[in-house]
Amino acid sequence: MYAIIECGGKQYRVQEGDILKVEKLAAEVGSTITIDKVLLLGGDKTTVGTPLVEGAKVSCKVMKQDKDKKVLVFHYKAKKNIRKRYGHRQPFTSLLIEKIEKVKKAAKKADAETAEA
């Protein structure tokens, strides 16, 4: 089973056991987070969301918080002796995809009826 999720304004195709590098999230290393923005669930039966798949979620474990390799940027203007060189390191969060699950609609209705009683 695989899923397409949205995280940090980008979309990723994930499976259980994948390690994913996303934009920095405010979470501690070793903690578990849940991503509710699931756009598609694939496998035996594909479910496409409008825009999100209702009741679907992906559980992830935060592996590490780090910075990417340095990207060097160089600006210069010809014949003007103007040169600027600087670098940028983008922070990221590394996630381990632990579980992809979808809650059945019937189960939701049963839970709602139990809560009302």
C-alpha atoms as a PDB file:
ATOM      1  CA  MET A   1       0.000   0.000   0.000  1.00  0.00           C
ATOM      2  CA  TYR A   2       1.216   3.501  -0.765  1.00  0.00           C
ATOM      3  CA  ALA A   3      -0.079   7.013  -0.212  1.00  0.00           C
ATOM      4  CA  ILE A   4       0.460  10.480  -1.617  1.00  0.00           C
ATOM      5  CA  ILE A   5       0.700  12.993   1.200  1.00  0.00           C
ATOM      6  CA  GLU A   6       1.139  16.747   1.454  1.00  0.00           C
ATOM      7  CA  CYS A   7       3.713  18.084   3.891  1.00  0.00           C
ATOM      8  CA  GLY A   8       5.380  21.481   3.872  1.00  0.00           C
ATOM      9  CA  GLY A   9       3.578  22.576   0.700  1.00  0.00           C
ATOM     10  CA  LYS A  10       4.981  19.626  -1.289  1.00  0.00           C
ATOM     11  CA  GLN A  11       3.559  16.254  -2.262  1.00  0.00           C
ATOM     12  CA  TYR A  12       5.326  12.948  -1.598  1.00  0.00           C
ATOM     13  CA  ARG A  13       4.637   9.313  -2.537  1.00  0.00           C
ATOM     14  CA  VAL A  14       5.315   7.159   0.535  1.00  0.00           C
ATOM     15  CA  GLN A  15       5.179   3.505   1.575  1.00  0.00           C
ATOM     16  CA  GLU A  16       5.613   1.896   4.976  1.00  0.00           C
ATOM     17  CA  GLY A  17       9.297   1.749   5.893  1.00  0.00           C
ATOM     18  CA  ASP A  18      10.333   4.710   3.676  1.00  0.00           C
ATOM     19  CA  ILE A  19      12.587   7.453   5.008  1.00  0.00           C
ATOM     20  CA  LEU A  20      11.409  10.869   3.864  1.00  0.00           C
ATOM     21  CA  LYS A  21      13.201  14.231   3.998  1.00  0.00           C
ATOM     22  CA  VAL A  22      10.663  17.080   4.409  1.00  0.00           C
ATOM     23  CA  GLU A  23      10.742  20.770   5.318  1.00  0.00           C
ATOM     24  CA  LYS A  24      11.558  21.353   8.987  1.00  0.00           C
ATOM     25  CA  LEU A  25       8.748  20.409  11.365  1.00  0.00           C
ATOM     26  CA  ALA A  26       8.402  21.455  14.995  1.00  0.00           C
ATOM     27  CA  ALA A  27       8.792  17.995  16.551  1.00  0.00           C
ATOM     28  CA  GLU A  28      11.276  16.306  18.858  1.00  0.00           C
ATOM     29  CA  VAL A  29      13.573  13.537  17.625  1.00  0.00           C
ATOM     30  CA  GLY A  30      12.014  10.150  18.462  1.00  0.00           C
ATOM     31  CA  SER A  31       8.450  11.473  18.677  1.00  0.00           C
ATOM     32  CA  THR A  32       5.604  10.238  16.493  1.00  0.00           C
ATOM     33  CA  ILE A  33       3.590  12.593  14.295  1.00  0.00           C
ATOM     34  CA  THR A  34       0.455  12.003  12.252  1.00  0.00           C
ATOM     35  CA  ILE A  35      -0.067  13.474   8.800  1.00  0.00           C
ATOM     36  CA  ASP A  36      -3.759  13.879   7.944  1.00  0.00           C
ATOM     37  CA  LYS A  37      -3.326  15.461   4.508  1.00  0.00           C
ATOM     38  CA  VAL A  38      -3.582  12.269   2.417  1.00  0.00           C
ATOM     39  CA  LEU A  39      -4.422  12.987  -1.224  1.00  0.00           C
ATOM     40  CA  LEU A  40      -4.458   9.406  -2.564  1.00  0.00           C
ATOM     41  CA  LEU A  41      -4.310   5.850  -1.235  1.00  0.00           C
ATOM     42  CA  GLY A  42      -3.062   3.177  -3.636  1.00  0.00           C
ATOM     43  CA  GLY A  43      -2.689  -0.572  -3.599  1.00  0.00           C
ATOM     44  CA  ASP A  44      -5.332  -3.182  -4.404  1.00  0.00           C
ATOM     45  CA  LYS A  45      -7.991  -0.487  -4.582  1.00  0.00           C
ATOM     46  CA  THR A  46      -7.031   3.120  -5.321  1.00  0.00           C
ATOM     47  CA  THR A  47      -8.853   5.884  -3.456  1.00  0.00           C
ATOM     48  CA  VAL A  48      -8.537   9.440  -4.722  1.00  0.00           C
ATOM     49  CA  GLY A  49      -9.462  12.287  -2.381  1.00  0.00           C
ATOM     50  CA  THR A  50     -11.512  15.356  -3.219  1.00  0.00           C
ATOM     51  CA  PRO A  51      -9.101  16.977  -2.252  1.00  0.00           C
ATOM     52  CA  LEU A  52      -8.292  14.757   0.775  1.00  0.00           C
ATOM     53  CA  VAL A  53      -9.120  11.115   1.506  1.00  0.00           C
ATOM     54  CA  GLU A  54     -11.501  11.152   4.452  1.00  0.00           C
ATOM     55  CA  GLY A  55     -10.327   9.162   7.478  1.00  0.00           C
ATOM     56  CA  ALA A  56      -6.873   8.407   6.084  1.00  0.00           C
ATOM     57  CA  LYS A  57      -3.705   9.183   8.002  1.00  0.00           C
ATOM     58  CA  VAL A  58      -0.006   8.387   7.953  1.00  0.00           C
ATOM     59  CA  SER A  59       1.966   7.817  11.168  1.00  0.00           C
ATOM     60  CA  CYS A  60       5.632   8.871  11.073  1.00  0.00           C
ATOM     61  CA  LYS A  61       8.525   8.763  13.515  1.00  0.00           C
ATOM     62  CA  VAL A  62      10.952  11.711  13.567  1.00  0.00           C
ATOM     63  CA  MET A  63      14.433  10.298  12.891  1.00  0.00           C
ATOM     64  CA  LYS A  64      16.507  13.510  12.928  1.00  0.00           C
ATOM     65  CA  GLN A  65      16.499  17.283  12.568  1.00  0.00           C
ATOM     66  CA  ASP A  66      19.407  18.508  10.454  1.00  0.00           C
ATOM     67  CA  LYS A  67      20.579  20.891   7.735  1.00  0.00           C
ATOM     68  CA  ASP A  68      21.167  20.040   4.069  1.00  0.00           C
ATOM     69  CA  LYS A  69      24.427  20.506   2.192  1.00  0.00           C
ATOM     70  CA  LYS A  70      25.493  24.094   1.642  1.00  0.00           C
ATOM     71  CA  VAL A  71      24.358  25.737  -1.583  1.00  0.00           C
ATOM     72  CA  LEU A  72      26.757  28.459  -2.724  1.00  0.00           C
ATOM     73  CA  VAL A  73      25.327  31.596  -4.285  1.00  0.00           C
ATOM     74  CA  PHE A  74      27.502  34.025  -6.208  1.00  0.00           C
ATOM     75  CA  HIS A  75      26.356  37.445  -7.463  1.00  0.00           C
ATOM     76  CA  TYR A  76      28.525  39.699  -9.563  1.00  0.00           C
ATOM     77  CA  LYS A  77      28.209  42.573 -11.978  1.00  0.00           C
ATOM     78  CA  ALA A  78      30.615  42.596 -14.882  1.00  0.00           C
ATOM     79  CA  LYS A  79      33.094  45.478 -15.126  1.00  0.00           C
ATOM     80  CA  LYS A  80      31.882  47.006 -11.823  1.00  0.00           C
ATOM     81  CA  ASN A  81      34.076  45.090  -9.326  1.00  0.00           C
ATOM     82  CA  ILE A  82      30.939  43.982  -7.424  1.00  0.00           C
ATOM     83  CA  ARG A  83      31.071  40.414  -6.155  1.00  0.00           C
ATOM     84  CA  LYS A  84      29.079  38.707  -3.386  1.00  0.00           C
ATOM     85  CA  ARG A  85      29.423  35.077  -2.343  1.00  0.00           C
ATOM     86  CA  TYR A  86      27.347  33.463   0.361  1.00  0.00           C
ATOM     87  CA  GLY A  87      25.888  30.083   1.229  1.00  0.00           C
ATOM     88  CA  HIS A  88      22.597  28.666   2.469  1.00  0.00           C
ATOM     89  CA  ARG A  89      21.839  25.466   4.410  1.00  0.00           C
ATOM     90  CA  GLN A  90      18.156  24.498   4.366  1.00  0.00           C
ATOM     91  CA  PRO A  91      16.924  22.822   7.594  1.00  0.00           C
ATOM     92  CA  PHE A  92      14.977  19.568   7.179  1.00  0.00           C
ATOM     93  CA  THR A  93      13.289  16.809   9.175  1.00  0.00           C
ATOM     94  CA  SER A  94      13.877  13.144   8.382  1.00  0.00           C
ATOM     95  CA  LEU A  95      10.772  10.957   8.871  1.00  0.00           C
ATOM     96  CA  LEU A  96      10.328   7.177   8.984  1.00  0.00           C
ATOM     97  CA  ILE A  97       6.913   6.147   7.622  1.00  0.00           C
ATOM     98  CA  GLU A  98       5.555   3.624  10.127  1.00  0.00           C
ATOM     99  CA  LYS A  99       1.908   3.107   9.217  1.00  0.00           C
ATOM    100  CA  ILE A 100      -0.586   4.057   6.509  1.00  0.00           C
ATOM    101  CA  GLU A 101      -4.173   3.557   7.566  1.00  0.00           C
ATOM    102  CA  LYS A 102      -7.707   4.382   6.519  1.00  0.00           C
ATOM    103  CA  VAL A 103     -10.620   4.431   8.941  1.00  0.00           C
ATOM    104  CA  LYS A 104     -13.706   2.726   7.524  1.00  0.00           C
ATOM    105  CA  LYS A 105     -16.845   4.863   7.161  1.00  0.00           C
ATOM    106  CA  ALA A 106     -18.961   2.218   8.914  1.00  0.00           C
ATOM    107  CA  ALA A 107     -16.634   2.303  11.896  1.00  0.00           C
ATOM    108  CA  LYS A 108     -16.961   6.092  12.048  1.00  0.00           C
ATOM    109  CA  LYS A 109     -20.765   5.841  12.106  1.00  0.00           C
ATOM    110  CA  ALA A 110     -20.644   3.189  14.842  1.00  0.00           C
ATOM    111  CA  ASP A 111     -18.340   5.370  16.934  1.00  0.00           C
ATOM    112  CA  ALA A 112     -20.637   8.366  16.475  1.00  0.00           C
ATOM    113  CA  GLU A 113     -23.692   6.331  17.532  1.00  0.00           C
ATOM    114  CA  THR A 114     -21.861   5.033  20.621  1.00  0.00           C
ATOM    115  CA  ALA A 115     -20.840   8.565  21.585  1.00  0.00           C
ATOM    116  CA  GLU A 116     -24.441   9.803  21.331  1.00  0.00           C
ATOM    117  CA  ALA A 117     -25.799   7.031  23.590  1.00  0.00           C
END
